[in-house]
Amino acid sequence: MTELEQIVINALEDLKAKDIVEIDVANLTEIMDKLVIASGTSSRHVKSLAQNVASEAKAAGFMPLGMEGETQGEWVLVDFGDIVVHVMTPATRSFYDLEKLWSEAPRTRLNQTDEP
């Protein structure tokens, strides 16, 4: 696991993200190497998680290329180039089902909860 990956995971875990999954898409696309997908319990939680990821990464010298979705907070994307972080509410995550979209890619479930 790279330093940035560890920072991202720690930032999500620090604020109690749900069902963190890392998907290795390096062999399926040239756009990025890894997707990190996590759920927040509410739009406010989703926004806080994404902000924590960006803040912790910046503090370590990794600048996000962009962030999208902070206004609504249903799905916030933090783009680091090689790693793209998706933080979503459970309903949004279920609806878009990115894990199924990238079903051929190896994945690591980093934490799991019984909650939806």
Protein backbone atom coordinates (compact mmCIF):
# COMPACT_ATOMS: atom_id res chain seq x y z
CA MET A 1 0.00 0.00 0.00
CA THR A 2 1.39 3.39 -0.99
CA GLU A 3 1.74 6.29 1.43
CA LEU A 4 -1.18 8.13 -0.18
CA GLU A 5 -3.40 5.03 -0.01
CA GLN A 6 -2.63 4.68 3.70
CA ILE A 7 -3.38 8.37 4.31
CA VAL A 8 -6.71 8.06 2.48
CA ILE A 9 -7.73 4.92 4.39
CA ASN A 10 -6.67 6.38 7.75
CA ALA A 11 -8.56 9.62 7.06
CA LEU A 12 -11.71 7.65 6.26
CA GLU A 13 -11.34 5.35 9.26
CA ASP A 14 -10.63 8.29 11.61
CA LEU A 15 -14.12 9.66 10.94
CA LYS A 16 -15.81 6.24 10.96
CA ALA A 17 -16.46 5.69 7.26
CA LYS A 18 -18.52 2.58 6.52
CA ASP A 19 -17.61 -0.29 4.17
CA ILE A 20 -14.31 0.99 2.79
CA VAL A 21 -13.31 -0.88 -0.37
CA GLU A 22 -10.19 -0.42 -2.46
CA ILE A 23 -10.39 -1.58 -6.09
CA ASP A 24 -7.27 -2.06 -8.20
CA VAL A 25 -8.20 -0.91 -11.71
CA ALA A 26 -4.66 -0.42 -13.04
CA ASN A 27 -5.02 -3.28 -15.55
CA LEU A 28 -8.44 -2.10 -16.74
CA THR A 29 -7.88 1.61 -17.38
CA GLU A 30 -5.06 4.07 -17.92
CA ILE A 31 -6.93 6.84 -16.13
CA MET A 32 -6.21 5.69 -12.57
CA ASP A 33 -4.72 2.83 -10.59
CA LYS A 34 -7.02 2.58 -7.58
CA LEU A 35 -10.55 3.44 -6.56
CA VAL A 36 -11.37 3.83 -2.90
CA ILE A 37 -15.09 3.70 -2.15
CA ALA A 38 -16.61 4.41 1.26
CA SER A 39 -19.99 5.28 2.72
CA GLY A 40 -21.01 7.96 5.15
CA THR A 41 -24.12 7.83 7.30
CA SER A 42 -25.52 11.15 6.04
CA SER A 43 -24.70 13.88 3.53
CA ARG A 44 -22.98 15.83 6.33
CA HIS A 45 -20.88 12.76 7.20
CA VAL A 46 -20.01 12.22 3.52
CA LYS A 47 -18.81 15.83 3.22
CA SER A 48 -16.77 15.53 6.43
CA LEU A 49 -15.15 12.30 5.28
CA ALA A 50 -14.14 13.76 1.92
CA GLN A 51 -12.83 16.94 3.53
CA ASN A 52 -10.79 14.89 5.99
CA VAL A 53 -9.27 12.87 3.14
CA ALA A 54 -8.32 16.06 1.28
CA SER A 55 -6.98 17.79 4.41
CA GLU A 56 -4.89 14.83 5.59
CA ALA A 57 -3.47 14.29 2.11
CA LYS A 58 -2.60 17.99 1.74
CA ALA A 59 -0.89 17.95 5.14
CA ALA A 60 1.31 15.10 3.88
CA GLY A 61 2.11 16.90 0.62
CA PHE A 62 -0.41 15.20 -1.68
CA MET A 63 -2.59 17.78 -3.40
CA PRO A 64 -5.94 16.65 -4.79
CA LEU A 65 -6.38 17.40 -8.48
CA GLY A 66 -10.02 18.18 -7.77
CA MET A 67 -13.07 17.59 -5.62
CA GLU A 68 -16.66 17.34 -6.80
CA GLY A 69 -19.99 16.97 -5.06
CA GLU A 70 -19.32 18.81 -1.80
CA THR A 71 -22.39 21.01 -2.19
CA GLN A 72 -24.98 18.22 -2.08
CA GLY A 73 -22.96 15.65 -0.18
CA GLU A 74 -24.65 12.56 -1.61
CA TRP A 75 -21.50 11.61 -3.52
CA VAL A 76 -18.19 13.41 -3.11
CA LEU A 77 -15.26 12.52 -5.35
CA VAL A 78 -11.67 13.37 -4.41
CA ASP A 79 -9.28 12.93 -7.34
CA PHE A 80 -5.57 12.37 -6.68
CA GLY A 81 -4.81 11.17 -10.21
CA ASP A 82 -3.66 7.61 -9.54
CA ILE A 83 -6.18 7.24 -6.70
CA VAL A 84 -9.78 8.40 -6.92
CA VAL A 85 -11.83 8.43 -3.71
CA HIS A 86 -15.64 8.12 -3.82
CA VAL A 87 -17.53 8.85 -0.60
CA MET A 88 -21.29 8.29 -0.84
CA THR A 89 -24.44 7.90 1.17
CA PRO A 90 -25.57 4.25 1.27
CA ALA A 91 -28.53 4.93 -1.07
CA THR A 92 -26.33 6.63 -3.66
CA ARG A 93 -23.71 3.90 -3.40
CA SER A 94 -26.33 1.22 -3.90
CA PHE A 95 -27.92 3.03 -6.85
CA TYR A 96 -24.68 3.60 -8.81
CA ASP A 97 -23.03 0.34 -7.66
CA LEU A 98 -19.45 1.18 -8.69
CA GLU A 99 -18.27 -2.12 -7.23
CA LYS A 100 -20.35 -3.97 -9.84
CA LEU A 101 -19.13 -1.68 -12.62
CA TRP A 102 -15.54 -2.64 -11.75
CA SER A 103 -16.40 -6.26 -10.88
CA GLU A 104 -13.47 -7.67 -12.86
CA ALA A 105 -10.93 -5.74 -10.78
CA PRO A 106 -9.24 -7.13 -7.67
CA ARG A 107 -10.57 -5.54 -4.50
CA THR A 108 -9.76 -5.29 -0.85
CA ARG A 109 -12.52 -4.75 1.71
CA LEU A 110 -10.84 -2.67 4.40
CA ASN A 111 -13.68 -2.55 6.88
CA GLN A 112 -17.23 -3.79 6.84
CA THR A 113 -20.29 -2.97 8.86
CA ASP A 114 -23.66 -4.63 9.17
CA GLU A 115 -25.36 -1.35 8.36
CA PRO A 116 -26.57 -0.68 4.78
